[in-house]
């Protein structure tokens, strides 16, 4: 999705946030798989390393997109925004896959965008 929006940094952040809710990632099988991975990663070091690697790659992409929105931000500020957005995003994703509440999803995505853009601290 991010390639479709071109070079506009804000549009890239929005596209990245919304891409995680595309049908290919939002179905009962993905929910079941991710809940299992998150649970097993707490007790299995190999799964934890793989899960952390994937998380870090996603975080790095979002971090870069947020930094592109405001180049004056310190790395620490960008990192906090990234962490906050990803934490909220995970909860939204679980809620969306369980209840498919479009209004709640849209409010949550708008809050993620506000955090990413620094409108909410």
PDB file of N, CA and C in Angstrom:
ATOM      1  N   UNK A   1       0.805  -1.203   0.000  1.00  0.00           N
ATOM      2  CA  UNK A   1       0.000   0.000   0.000  1.00  0.00           C
ATOM      3  C   UNK A   1       0.846   1.265   0.000  1.00  0.00           C
ATOM      4  N   UNK A   2       1.967   1.259   0.694  1.00  0.00           N
ATOM      5  CA  UNK A   2       2.758   2.479   0.770  1.00  0.00           C
ATOM      6  C   UNK A   2       3.299   2.896  -0.587  1.00  0.00           C
ATOM      7  N   UNK A   3       3.585   1.947  -1.459  1.00  0.00           N
ATOM      8  CA  UNK A   3       4.087   2.283  -2.792  1.00  0.00           C
ATOM      9  C   UNK A   3       3.019   2.999  -3.616  1.00  0.00           C
ATOM     10  N   UNK A   4       1.768   2.738  -3.327  1.00  0.00           N
ATOM     11  CA  UNK A   4       0.665   3.325  -4.089  1.00  0.00           C
ATOM     12  C   UNK A   4       0.477   4.812  -3.817  1.00  0.00           C
ATOM     13  N   UNK A   5       0.969   5.310  -2.676  1.00  0.00           N
ATOM     14  CA  UNK A   5       0.692   6.692  -2.289  1.00  0.00           C
ATOM     15  C   UNK A   5       1.808   7.655  -2.660  1.00  0.00           C
ATOM     16  N   UNK A   6       2.905   7.153  -3.189  1.00  0.00           N
ATOM     17  CA  UNK A   6       3.985   8.030  -3.623  1.00  0.00           C
ATOM     18  C   UNK A   6       4.869   8.502  -2.491  1.00  0.00           C
ATOM     19  N   UNK A   7       5.344   9.743  -2.610  1.00  0.00           N
ATOM     20  CA  UNK A   7       6.360  10.263  -1.696  1.00  0.00           C
ATOM     21  C   UNK A   7       5.811  11.071  -0.523  1.00  0.00           C
ATOM     22  N   UNK A   8       4.513  11.287  -0.454  1.00  0.00           N
ATOM     23  CA  UNK A   8       3.955  12.077   0.642  1.00  0.00           C
ATOM     24  C   UNK A   8       4.120  11.315   1.953  1.00  0.00           C
ATOM     25  N   UNK A   9       4.941  11.844   2.895  1.00  0.00           N
ATOM     26  CA  UNK A   9       5.217  11.110   4.133  1.00  0.00           C
ATOM     27  C   UNK A   9       3.968  10.809   4.967  1.00  0.00           C
ATOM     28  N   UNK A  10       3.064  11.763   5.063  1.00  0.00           N
ATOM     29  CA  UNK A  10       1.851  11.529   5.857  1.00  0.00           C
ATOM     30  C   UNK A  10       0.991  10.435   5.224  1.00  0.00           C
ATOM     31  N   UNK A  11       0.882  10.467   3.911  1.00  0.00           N
ATOM     32  CA  UNK A  11       0.109   9.436   3.212  1.00  0.00           C
ATOM     33  C   UNK A  11       0.768   8.066   3.375  1.00  0.00           C
ATOM     34  N   UNK A  12       2.104   8.027   3.409  1.00  0.00           N
ATOM     35  CA  UNK A  12       2.798   6.748   3.601  1.00  0.00           C
ATOM     36  C   UNK A  12       2.533   6.180   4.993  1.00  0.00           C
ATOM     37  N   UNK A  13       2.528   7.037   6.014  1.00  0.00           N
ATOM     38  CA  UNK A  13       2.218   6.567   7.369  1.00  0.00           C
ATOM     39  C   UNK A  13       0.795   6.028   7.410  1.00  0.00           C
ATOM     40  N   UNK A  14      -0.149   6.782   6.873  1.00  0.00           N
ATOM     41  CA  UNK A  14      -1.547   6.341   6.872  1.00  0.00           C
ATOM     42  C   UNK A  14      -1.705   5.010   6.139  1.00  0.00           C
ATOM     43  N   UNK A  15      -1.060   4.884   4.993  1.00  0.00           N
ATOM     44  CA  UNK A  15      -1.161   3.639   4.220  1.00  0.00           C
ATOM     45  C   UNK A  15      -0.562   2.472   4.989  1.00  0.00           C
ATOM     46  N   UNK A  16       0.572   2.700   5.640  1.00  0.00           N
ATOM     47  CA  UNK A  16       1.203   1.628   6.418  1.00  0.00           C
ATOM     48  C   UNK A  16       0.287   1.180   7.551  1.00  0.00           C
ATOM     49  N   UNK A  17      -0.295   2.126   8.261  1.00  0.00           N
ATOM     50  CA  UNK A  17      -1.172   1.782   9.382  1.00  0.00           C
ATOM     51  C   UNK A  17      -2.389   0.993   8.911  1.00  0.00           C
ATOM     52  N   UNK A  18      -2.945   1.385   7.802  1.00  0.00           N
ATOM     53  CA  UNK A  18      -4.158   0.736   7.309  1.00  0.00           C
ATOM     54  C   UNK A  18      -3.885  -0.598   6.622  1.00  0.00           C
ATOM     55  N   UNK A  19      -2.669  -0.785   6.141  1.00  0.00           N
ATOM     56  CA  UNK A  19      -2.358  -2.030   5.423  1.00  0.00           C
ATOM     57  C   UNK A  19      -2.483  -3.257   6.317  1.00  0.00           C
ATOM     58  N   UNK A  20      -2.280  -3.093   7.606  1.00  0.00           N
ATOM     59  CA  UNK A  20      -2.356  -4.231   8.520  1.00  0.00           C
ATOM     60  C   UNK A  20      -3.788  -4.733   8.696  1.00  0.00           C
ATOM     61  N   UNK A  21      -4.737  -3.980   8.156  1.00  0.00           N
ATOM     62  CA  UNK A  21      -6.140  -4.376   8.260  1.00  0.00           C
ATOM     63  C   UNK A  21      -6.703  -4.841   6.920  1.00  0.00           C
ATOM     64  N   UNK A  22      -5.829  -5.017   5.941  1.00  0.00           N
ATOM     65  CA  UNK A  22      -6.245  -5.578   4.659  1.00  0.00           C
ATOM     66  C   UNK A  22      -6.765  -6.997   4.872  1.00  0.00           C
ATOM     67  N   UNK A  23      -7.698  -7.448   4.035  1.00  0.00           N
ATOM     68  CA  UNK A  23      -8.271  -8.786   4.202  1.00  0.00           C
ATOM     69  C   UNK A  23      -7.240  -9.914   4.254  1.00  0.00           C
ATOM     70  N   UNK A  24      -6.125  -9.772   3.545  1.00  0.00           N
ATOM     71  CA  UNK A  24      -5.136 -10.858   3.553  1.00  0.00           C
ATOM     72  C   UNK A  24      -4.480 -11.042   4.919  1.00  0.00           C
ATOM     73  N   UNK A  25      -4.549 -10.025   5.787  1.00  0.00           N
ATOM     74  CA  UNK A  25      -3.964 -10.131   7.127  1.00  0.00           C
ATOM     75  C   UNK A  25      -5.017 -10.169   8.220  1.00  0.00           C
ATOM     76  N   UNK A  26      -6.256  -9.978   7.865  1.00  0.00           N
ATOM     77  CA  UNK A  26      -7.328  -9.899   8.856  1.00  0.00           C
ATOM     78  C   UNK A  26      -8.342 -11.002   8.614  1.00  0.00           C
ATOM     79  N   UNK A  27      -8.009 -12.167   9.103  1.00  0.00           N
ATOM     80  CA  UNK A  27      -8.930 -13.291   9.011  1.00  0.00           C
ATOM     81  C   UNK A  27      -8.695 -14.187  10.224  1.00  0.00           C
ATOM     82  N   UNK A  28      -9.610 -15.104  10.491  1.00  0.00           N
ATOM     83  CA  UNK A  28      -9.475 -15.949  11.683  1.00  0.00           C
ATOM     84  C   UNK A  28      -8.164 -16.734  11.736  1.00  0.00           C
ATOM     85  N   UNK A  29      -7.659 -17.148  10.590  1.00  0.00           N
ATOM     86  CA  UNK A  29      -6.415 -17.925  10.581  1.00  0.00           C
ATOM     87  C   UNK A  29      -5.226 -17.074  11.029  1.00  0.00           C
ATOM     88  N   UNK A  30      -5.166 -15.830  10.570  1.00  0.00           N
ATOM     89  CA  UNK A  30      -4.078 -14.950  11.003  1.00  0.00           C
ATOM     90  C   UNK A  30      -4.194 -14.635  12.490  1.00  0.00           C
ATOM     91  N   UNK A  31      -5.407 -14.407  12.957  1.00  0.00           N
ATOM     92  CA  UNK A  31      -5.600 -14.143  14.382  1.00  0.00           C
ATOM     93  C   UNK A  31      -5.116 -15.326  15.206  1.00  0.00           C
ATOM     94  N   UNK A  32      -5.534 -16.511  14.834  1.00  0.00           N
ATOM     95  CA  UNK A  32      -5.121 -17.724  15.550  1.00  0.00           C
ATOM     96  C   UNK A  32      -3.599 -17.881  15.525  1.00  0.00           C
ATOM     97  N   UNK A  33      -3.008 -17.673  14.365  1.00  0.00           N
ATOM     98  CA  UNK A  33      -1.562 -17.827  14.228  1.00  0.00           C
ATOM     99  C   UNK A  33      -0.805 -16.823  15.101  1.00  0.00           C
ATOM    100  N   UNK A  34      -1.200 -15.552  15.047  1.00  0.00           N
ATOM    101  CA  UNK A  34      -0.471 -14.543  15.811  1.00  0.00           C
ATOM    102  C   UNK A  34      -0.663 -14.703  17.308  1.00  0.00           C
ATOM    103  N   UNK A  35      -1.842 -15.060  17.738  1.00  0.00           N
ATOM    104  CA  UNK A  35      -2.025 -15.297  19.173  1.00  0.00           C
ATOM    105  C   UNK A  35      -1.137 -16.443  19.642  1.00  0.00           C
ATOM    106  N   UNK A  36      -1.024 -17.479  18.825  1.00  0.00           N
ATOM    107  CA  UNK A  36      -0.150 -18.609  19.170  1.00  0.00           C
ATOM    108  C   UNK A  36       1.316 -18.181  19.183  1.00  0.00           C
ATOM    109  N   UNK A  37       1.730 -17.431  18.178  1.00  0.00           N
ATOM    110  CA  UNK A  37       3.124 -16.971  18.134  1.00  0.00           C
ATOM    111  C   UNK A  37       3.440 -16.106  19.343  1.00  0.00           C
ATOM    112  N   UNK A  38       2.570 -15.177  19.664  1.00  0.00           N
ATOM    113  CA  UNK A  38       2.822 -14.311  20.813  1.00  0.00           C
ATOM    114  C   UNK A  38       2.892 -15.121  22.103  1.00  0.00           C
ATOM    115  N   UNK A  39       2.028 -16.102  22.241  1.00  0.00           N
ATOM    116  CA  UNK A  39       2.042 -16.933  23.453  1.00  0.00           C
ATOM    117  C   UNK A  39       3.302 -17.793  23.521  1.00  0.00           C
ATOM    118  N   UNK A  40       3.625 -18.468  22.439  1.00  0.00           N
ATOM    119  CA  UNK A  40       4.787 -19.361  22.430  1.00  0.00           C
ATOM    120  C   UNK A  40       6.084 -18.571  22.582  1.00  0.00           C
ATOM    121  N   UNK A  41       6.129 -17.368  22.045  1.00  0.00           N
ATOM    122  CA  UNK A  41       7.358 -16.574  22.131  1.00  0.00           C
ATOM    123  C   UNK A  41       7.725 -16.228  23.570  1.00  0.00           C
ATOM    124  N   UNK A  42       6.776 -16.334  24.466  1.00  0.00           N
ATOM    125  CA  UNK A  42       7.056 -16.075  25.888  1.00  0.00           C
ATOM    126  C   UNK A  42       7.864 -17.199  26.526  1.00  0.00           C
ATOM    127  N   UNK A  43       7.825 -18.388  25.945  1.00  0.00           N
ATOM    128  CA  UNK A  43       8.500 -19.541  26.560  1.00  0.00           C
ATOM    129  C   UNK A  43       9.478 -20.251  25.628  1.00  0.00           C
ATOM    130  N   UNK A  44       9.524 -19.855  24.368  1.00  0.00           N
ATOM    131  CA  UNK A  44      10.403 -20.510  23.402  1.00  0.00           C
ATOM    132  C   UNK A  44      11.328 -19.458  22.792  1.00  0.00           C
ATOM    133  N   UNK A  45      12.622 -19.579  23.094  1.00  0.00           N
ATOM    134  CA  UNK A  45      13.576 -18.563  22.659  1.00  0.00           C
ATOM    135  C   UNK A  45      13.672 -18.435  21.143  1.00  0.00           C
ATOM    136  N   UNK A  46      13.601 -19.536  20.419  1.00  0.00           N
ATOM    137  CA  UNK A  46      13.706 -19.472  18.958  1.00  0.00           C
ATOM    138  C   UNK A  46      12.519 -18.725  18.356  1.00  0.00           C
ATOM    139  N   UNK A  47      11.342 -19.016  18.842  1.00  0.00           N
ATOM    140  CA  UNK A  47      10.150 -18.312  18.356  1.00  0.00           C
ATOM    141  C   UNK A  47      10.228 -16.843  18.771  1.00  0.00           C
ATOM    142  N   UNK A  48      10.710 -16.584  19.971  1.00  0.00           N
ATOM    143  CA  UNK A  48      10.839 -15.203  20.444  1.00  0.00           C
ATOM    144  C   UNK A  48      11.775 -14.396  19.555  1.00  0.00           C
ATOM    145  N   UNK A  49      12.890 -14.992  19.152  1.00  0.00           N
ATOM    146  CA  UNK A  49      13.840 -14.295  18.279  1.00  0.00           C
ATOM    147  C   UNK A  49      13.200 -13.993  16.926  1.00  0.00           C
ATOM    148  N   UNK A  50      12.508 -14.956  16.351  1.00  0.00           N
ATOM    149  CA  UNK A  50      11.863 -14.755  15.049  1.00  0.00           C
ATOM    150  C   UNK A  50      10.765 -13.700  15.147  1.00  0.00           C
ATOM    151  N   UNK A  51       9.966 -13.767  16.198  1.00  0.00           N
ATOM    152  CA  UNK A  51       8.882 -12.803  16.379  1.00  0.00           C
ATOM    153  C   UNK A  51       9.461 -11.408  16.594  1.00  0.00           C
ATOM    154  N   UNK A  52      10.521 -11.304  17.382  1.00  0.00           N
ATOM    155  CA  UNK A  52      11.149 -10.005  17.644  1.00  0.00           C
ATOM    156  C   UNK A  52      11.748  -9.417  16.364  1.00  0.00           C
ATOM    157  N   UNK A  53      12.336 -10.278  15.537  1.00  0.00           N
ATOM    158  CA  UNK A  53      12.903  -9.817  14.272  1.00  0.00           C
ATOM    159  C   UNK A  53      11.818  -9.217  13.380  1.00  0.00           C
ATOM    160  N   UNK A  54      10.693  -9.888  13.281  1.00  0.00           N
ATOM    161  CA  UNK A  54       9.589  -9.376  12.475  1.00  0.00           C
ATOM    162  C   UNK A  54       9.071  -8.057  13.049  1.00  0.00           C
ATOM    163  N   UNK A  55       8.908  -8.012  14.372  1.00  0.00           N
ATOM    164  CA  UNK A  55       8.453  -6.783  15.025  1.00  0.00           C
ATOM    165  C   UNK A  55       9.428  -5.643  14.735  1.00  0.00           C
ATOM    166  N   UNK A  56      10.724  -5.922  14.883  1.00  0.00           N
ATOM    167  CA  UNK A  56      11.736  -4.887  14.669  1.00  0.00           C
ATOM    168  C   UNK A  56      11.723  -4.371  13.234  1.00  0.00           C
ATOM    169  N   UNK A  57      11.516  -5.265  12.268  1.00  0.00           N
ATOM    170  CA  UNK A  57      11.451  -4.827  10.869  1.00  0.00           C
ATOM    171  C   UNK A  57      10.231  -3.940  10.622  1.00  0.00           C
ATOM    172  N   UNK A  58       9.088  -4.326  11.165  1.00  0.00           N
ATOM    173  CA  UNK A  58       7.880  -3.498  11.027  1.00  0.00           C
ATOM    174  C   UNK A  58       8.075  -2.152  11.719  1.00  0.00           C
ATOM    175  N   UNK A  59       8.666  -2.193  12.914  1.00  0.00           N
ATOM    176  CA  UNK A  59       8.910  -0.961  13.663  1.00  0.00           C
ATOM    177  C   UNK A  59       9.865  -0.045  12.906  1.00  0.00           C
ATOM    178  N   UNK A  60      10.888  -0.606  12.290  1.00  0.00           N
ATOM    179  CA  UNK A  60      11.857   0.207  11.545  1.00  0.00           C
ATOM    180  C   UNK A  60      11.189   0.908  10.365  1.00  0.00           C
ATOM    181  N   UNK A  61      10.295   0.215   9.685  1.00  0.00           N
ATOM    182  CA  UNK A  61       9.587   0.826   8.553  1.00  0.00           C
ATOM    183  C   UNK A  61       8.689   1.964   9.023  1.00  0.00           C
ATOM    184  N   UNK A  62       7.944   1.721  10.098  1.00  0.00           N
ATOM    185  CA  UNK A  62       7.068   2.763  10.625  1.00  0.00           C
ATOM    186  C   UNK A  62       7.899   3.915  11.179  1.00  0.00           C
ATOM    187  N   UNK A  63       8.983   3.599  11.870  1.00  0.00           N
ATOM    188  CA  UNK A  63       9.873   4.610  12.428  1.00  0.00           C
ATOM    189  C   UNK A  63      10.382   5.534  11.323  1.00  0.00           C
ATOM    190  N   UNK A  64      10.819   4.960  10.214  1.00  0.00           N
ATOM    191  CA  UNK A  64      11.330   5.758   9.094  1.00  0.00           C
ATOM    192  C   UNK A  64      10.236   6.640   8.503  1.00  0.00           C
ATOM    193  N   UNK A  65       9.035   6.103   8.394  1.00  0.00           N
ATOM    194  CA  UNK A  65       7.926   6.881   7.839  1.00  0.00           C
ATOM    195  C   UNK A  65       7.562   8.043   8.760  1.00  0.00           C
ATOM    196  N   UNK A  66       7.545   7.802  10.076  1.00  0.00           N
ATOM    197  CA  UNK A  66       7.247   8.871  11.034  1.00  0.00           C
ATOM    198  C   UNK A  66       8.340   9.932  10.986  1.00  0.00           C
ATOM    199  N   UNK A  67       9.584   9.508  10.916  1.00  0.00           N
ATOM    200  CA  UNK A  67      10.709  10.450  10.835  1.00  0.00           C
ATOM    201  C   UNK A  67      10.583  11.316   9.586  1.00  0.00           C
ATOM    202  N   UNK A  68      10.147  10.740   8.479  1.00  0.00           N
ATOM    203  CA  UNK A  68       9.988  11.506   7.239  1.00  0.00           C
ATOM    204  C   UNK A  68       8.915  12.585   7.358  1.00  0.00           C
ATOM    205  N   UNK A  69       7.942  12.369   8.236  1.00  0.00           N
ATOM    206  CA  UNK A  69       6.889  13.369   8.440  1.00  0.00           C
ATOM    207  C   UNK A  69       7.462  14.609   9.116  1.00  0.00           C
ATOM    208  N   UNK A  70       8.375  14.409  10.080  1.00  0.00           N
ATOM    209  CA  UNK A  70       8.956  15.536  10.823  1.00  0.00           C
ATOM    210  C   UNK A  70      10.424  15.250  11.100  1.00  0.00           C
ATOM    211  N   UNK A  71      11.277  15.740  10.230  1.00  0.00           N
ATOM    212  CA  UNK A  71      12.723  15.492  10.337  1.00  0.00           C
ATOM    213  C   UNK A  71      13.348  16.151  11.563  1.00  0.00           C
ATOM    214  N   UNK A  72      12.643  17.062  12.224  1.00  0.00           N
ATOM    215  CA  UNK A  72      13.203  17.728  13.401  1.00  0.00           C
ATOM    216  C   UNK A  72      13.089  16.886  14.668  1.00  0.00           C
ATOM    217  N   UNK A  73      12.344  15.796  14.609  1.00  0.00           N
ATOM    218  CA  UNK A  73      12.159  14.951  15.795  1.00  0.00           C
ATOM    219  C   UNK A  73      13.452  14.235  16.171  1.00  0.00           C
ATOM    220  N   UNK A  74      13.666  14.108  17.462  1.00  0.00           N
ATOM    221  CA  UNK A  74      14.812  13.331  17.938  1.00  0.00           C
ATOM    222  C   UNK A  74      14.529  11.848  17.709  1.00  0.00           C
ATOM    223  N   UNK A  75      15.578  11.037  17.608  1.00  0.00           N
ATOM    224  CA  UNK A  75      15.361   9.590  17.479  1.00  0.00           C
ATOM    225  C   UNK A  75      14.521   9.027  18.626  1.00  0.00           C
ATOM    226  N   UNK A  76      14.702   9.571  19.832  1.00  0.00           N
ATOM    227  CA  UNK A  76      13.929   9.102  20.979  1.00  0.00           C
ATOM    228  C   UNK A  76      12.439   9.405  20.802  1.00  0.00           C
ATOM    229  N   UNK A  77      12.126  10.603  20.327  1.00  0.00           N
ATOM    230  CA  UNK A  77      10.721  10.980  20.115  1.00  0.00           C
ATOM    231  C   UNK A  77      10.083  10.116  19.032  1.00  0.00           C
ATOM    232  N   UNK A  78      10.817   9.880  17.954  1.00  0.00           N
ATOM    233  CA  UNK A  78      10.300   9.018  16.883  1.00  0.00           C
ATOM    234  C   UNK A  78      10.088   7.607  17.412  1.00  0.00           C
ATOM    235  N   UNK A  79      11.027   7.116  18.204  1.00  0.00           N
ATOM    236  CA  UNK A  79      10.910   5.775  18.776  1.00  0.00           C
ATOM    237  C   UNK A  79       9.704   5.632  19.689  1.00  0.00           C
ATOM    238  N   UNK A  80       9.454   6.654  20.515  1.00  0.00           N
ATOM    239  CA  UNK A  80       8.280   6.605  21.403  1.00  0.00           C
ATOM    240  C   UNK A  80       6.988   6.582  20.590  1.00  0.00           C
ATOM    241  N   UNK A  81       6.912   7.426  19.574  1.00  0.00           N
ATOM    242  CA  UNK A  81       5.707   7.435  18.734  1.00  0.00           C
ATOM    243  C   UNK A  81       5.510   6.080  18.066  1.00  0.00           C
ATOM    244  N   UNK A  82       6.591   5.517  17.566  1.00  0.00           N
ATOM    245  CA  UNK A  82       6.511   4.213  16.904  1.00  0.00           C
ATOM    246  C   UNK A  82       6.015   3.149  17.865  1.00  0.00           C
ATOM    247  N   UNK A  83       6.600   3.095  19.057  1.00  0.00           N
ATOM    248  CA  UNK A  83       6.197   2.103  20.058  1.00  0.00           C
ATOM    249  C   UNK A  83       4.736   2.276  20.444  1.00  0.00           C
ATOM    250  N   UNK A  84       4.317   3.513  20.669  1.00  0.00           N
ATOM    251  CA  UNK A  84       2.930   3.771  21.061  1.00  0.00           C
ATOM    252  C   UNK A  84       1.956   3.358  19.960  1.00  0.00           C
ATOM    253  N   UNK A  85       2.291   3.691  18.721  1.00  0.00           N
ATOM    254  CA  UNK A  85       1.416   3.331  17.601  1.00  0.00           C
ATOM    255  C   UNK A  85       1.327   1.817  17.455  1.00  0.00           C
ATOM    256  N   UNK A  86       2.459   1.133  17.535  1.00  0.00           N
ATOM    257  CA  UNK A  86       2.439  -0.327  17.374  1.00  0.00           C
ATOM    258  C   UNK A  86       1.661  -1.011  18.495  1.00  0.00           C
ATOM    259  N   UNK A  87       1.773  -0.508  19.713  1.00  0.00           N
ATOM    260  CA  UNK A  87       1.016  -1.096  20.821  1.00  0.00           C
ATOM    261  C   UNK A  87      -0.488  -0.944  20.584  1.00  0.00           C
ATOM    262  N   UNK A  88      -0.900   0.247  20.196  1.00  0.00           N
ATOM    263  CA  UNK A  88      -2.314   0.478  19.907  1.00  0.00           C
ATOM    264  C   UNK A  88      -2.755  -0.339  18.698  1.00  0.00           C
ATOM    265  N   UNK A  89      -1.891  -0.397  17.696  1.00  0.00           N
ATOM    266  CA  UNK A  89      -2.191  -1.145  16.473  1.00  0.00           C
ATOM    267  C   UNK A  89      -2.457  -2.621  16.770  1.00  0.00           C
ATOM    268  N   UNK A  90      -1.643  -3.217  17.633  1.00  0.00           N
ATOM    269  CA  UNK A  90      -1.848  -4.628  17.974  1.00  0.00           C
ATOM    270  C   UNK A  90      -3.213  -4.851  18.614  1.00  0.00           C
ATOM    271  N   UNK A  91      -3.589  -3.979  19.530  1.00  0.00           N
ATOM    272  CA  UNK A  91      -4.904  -4.098  20.154  1.00  0.00           C
ATOM    273  C   UNK A  91      -6.033  -3.904  19.155  1.00  0.00           C
ATOM    274  N   UNK A  92      -5.875  -2.925  18.278  1.00  0.00           N
ATOM    275  CA  UNK A  92      -6.885  -2.698  17.237  1.00  0.00           C
ATOM    276  C   UNK A  92      -7.033  -3.912  16.339  1.00  0.00           C
ATOM    277  N   UNK A  93      -5.889  -4.492  15.987  1.00  0.00           N
ATOM    278  CA  UNK A  93      -5.909  -5.635  15.079  1.00  0.00           C
ATOM    279  C   UNK A  93      -6.657  -6.809  15.707  1.00  0.00           C
ATOM    280  N   UNK A  94      -6.391  -7.065  16.975  1.00  0.00           N
ATOM    281  CA  UNK A  94      -7.106  -8.148  17.661  1.00  0.00           C
ATOM    282  C   UNK A  94      -8.598  -7.830  17.721  1.00  0.00           C
ATOM    283  N   UNK A  95      -8.935  -6.614  18.114  1.00  0.00           N
ATOM    284  CA  UNK A  95     -10.339  -6.217  18.213  1.00  0.00           C
ATOM    285  C   UNK A  95     -11.033  -6.318  16.854  1.00  0.00           C
ATOM    286  N   UNK A  96     -10.370  -5.853  15.803  1.00  0.00           N
ATOM    287  CA  UNK A  96     -10.942  -5.907  14.458  1.00  0.00           C
ATOM    288  C   UNK A  96     -11.203  -7.347  14.038  1.00  0.00           C
ATOM    289  N   UNK A  97     -10.247  -8.222  14.278  1.00  0.00           N
ATOM    290  CA  UNK A  97     -10.402  -9.618  13.885  1.00  0.00           C
ATOM    291  C   UNK A  97     -11.447 -10.350  14.713  1.00  0.00           C
ATOM    292  N   UNK A  98     -11.695  -9.897  15.903  1.00  0.00           N
ATOM    293  CA  UNK A  98     -12.725 -10.532  16.733  1.00  0.00           C
ATOM    294  C   UNK A  98     -14.112  -9.987  16.427  1.00  0.00           C
ATOM    295  N   UNK A  99     -14.243  -8.674  16.291  1.00  0.00           N
ATOM    296  CA  UNK A  99     -15.575  -8.074  16.247  1.00  0.00           C
ATOM    297  C   UNK A  99     -15.915  -7.365  14.941  1.00  0.00           C
ATOM    298  N   UNK A 100     -14.927  -7.059  14.108  1.00  0.00           N
ATOM    299  CA  UNK A 100     -15.136  -6.359  12.831  1.00  0.00           C
ATOM    300  C   UNK A 100     -15.969  -5.083  12.995  1.00  0.00           C
ATOM    301  N   UNK A 101     -15.671  -4.330  14.044  1.00  0.00           N
ATOM    302  CA  UNK A 101     -16.365  -3.071  14.316  1.00  0.00           C
ATOM    303  C   UNK A 101     -15.662  -1.955  13.530  1.00  0.00           C
ATOM    304  N   UNK A 102     -16.245  -1.578  12.402  1.00  0.00           N
ATOM    305  CA  UNK A 102     -15.610  -0.597  11.516  1.00  0.00           C
ATOM    306  C   UNK A 102     -15.467   0.772  12.161  1.00  0.00           C
ATOM    307  N   UNK A 103     -16.464   1.185  12.951  1.00  0.00           N
ATOM    308  CA  UNK A 103     -16.371   2.487  13.616  1.00  0.00           C
ATOM    309  C   UNK A 103     -15.223   2.502  14.624  1.00  0.00           C
ATOM    310  N   UNK A 104     -15.104   1.452  15.418  1.00  0.00           N
ATOM    311  CA  UNK A 104     -14.013   1.373  16.394  1.00  0.00           C
ATOM    312  C   UNK A 104     -12.662   1.330  15.689  1.00  0.00           C
ATOM    313  N   UNK A 105     -12.595   0.592  14.594  1.00  0.00           N
ATOM    314  CA  UNK A 105     -11.347   0.522  13.835  1.00  0.00           C
ATOM    315  C   UNK A 105     -10.967   1.899  13.310  1.00  0.00           C
ATOM    316  N   UNK A 106     -11.904   2.606  12.730  1.00  0.00           N
ATOM    317  CA  UNK A 106     -11.598   3.924  12.170  1.00  0.00           C
ATOM    318  C   UNK A 106     -11.163   4.898  13.265  1.00  0.00           C
ATOM    319  N   UNK A 107     -11.844   4.884  14.406  1.00  0.00           N
ATOM    320  CA  UNK A 107     -11.428   5.757  15.516  1.00  0.00           C
ATOM    321  C   UNK A 107     -10.018   5.398  15.970  1.00  0.00           C
ATOM    322  N   UNK A 108      -9.749   4.115  16.075  1.00  0.00           N
ATOM    323  CA  UNK A 108      -8.427   3.668  16.500  1.00  0.00           C
ATOM    324  C   UNK A 108      -7.341   4.046  15.509  1.00  0.00           C
ATOM    325  N   UNK A 109      -7.626   3.891  14.225  1.00  0.00           N
ATOM    326  CA  UNK A 109      -6.642   4.266  13.208  1.00  0.00           C
ATOM    327  C   UNK A 109      -6.394   5.771  13.215  1.00  0.00           C
ATOM    328  N   UNK A 110      -7.439   6.540  13.420  1.00  0.00           N
ATOM    329  CA  UNK A 110      -7.257   7.989  13.508  1.00  0.00           C
ATOM    330  C   UNK A 110      -6.410   8.357  14.723  1.00  0.00           C
ATOM    331  N   UNK A 111      -6.593   7.639  15.826  1.00  0.00           N
ATOM    332  CA  UNK A 111      -5.760   7.877  17.007  1.00  0.00           C
ATOM    333  C   UNK A 111      -4.308   7.493  16.725  1.00  0.00           C
ATOM    334  N   UNK A 112      -4.096   6.371  16.044  1.00  0.00           N
ATOM    335  CA  UNK A 112      -2.733   5.982  15.649  1.00  0.00           C
ATOM    336  C   UNK A 112      -2.090   7.068  14.795  1.00  0.00           C
ATOM    337  N   UNK A 113      -2.842   7.595  13.845  1.00  0.00           N
ATOM    338  CA  UNK A 113      -2.320   8.659  12.990  1.00  0.00           C
ATOM    339  C   UNK A 113      -1.983   9.890  13.819  1.00  0.00           C
ATOM    340  N   UNK A 114      -2.849  10.242  14.756  1.00  0.00           N
ATOM    341  CA  UNK A 114      -2.595  11.404  15.608  1.00  0.00           C
ATOM    342  C   UNK A 114      -1.325  11.226  16.431  1.00  0.00           C
ATOM    343  N   UNK A 115      -1.105  10.028  16.935  1.00  0.00           N
ATOM    344  CA  UNK A 115       0.122   9.752  17.685  1.00  0.00           C
ATOM    345  C   UNK A 115       1.329   9.846  16.755  1.00  0.00           C
ATOM    346  N   UNK A 116       1.239   9.216  15.606  1.00  0.00           N
ATOM    347  CA  UNK A 116       2.358   9.223  14.653  1.00  0.00           C
ATOM    348  C   UNK A 116       2.718  10.641  14.224  1.00  0.00           C
ATOM    349  N   UNK A 117       1.720  11.490  14.050  1.00  0.00           N
ATOM    350  CA  UNK A 117       1.955  12.847  13.570  1.00  0.00           C
ATOM    351  C   UNK A 117       2.216  13.840  14.700  1.00  0.00           C
ATOM    352  N   UNK A 118       2.135  13.383  15.944  1.00  0.00           N
ATOM    353  CA  UNK A 118       2.419  14.254  17.077  1.00  0.00           C
ATOM    354  C   UNK A 118       1.262  15.124  17.501  1.00  0.00           C
ATOM    355  N   UNK A 119       0.064  14.810  17.023  1.00  0.00           N
ATOM    356  CA  UNK A 119      -1.114  15.576  17.425  1.00  0.00           C
ATOM    357  C   UNK A 119      -1.582  15.178  18.817  1.00  0.00           C
ATOM    358  N   UNK A 120      -1.186  13.985  19.260  1.00  0.00           N
ATOM    359  CA  UNK A 120      -1.503  13.460  20.591  1.00  0.00           C
ATOM    360  C   UNK A 120      -0.191  12.981  21.184  1.00  0.00           C
ATOM    361  N   UNK A 121       0.057  13.326  22.424  1.00  0.00           N
ATOM    362  CA  UNK A 121       1.307  12.868  23.052  1.00  0.00           C
ATOM    363  C   UNK A 121       1.027  12.001  24.244  1.00  0.00           C
TER     364      UNK A 121
END
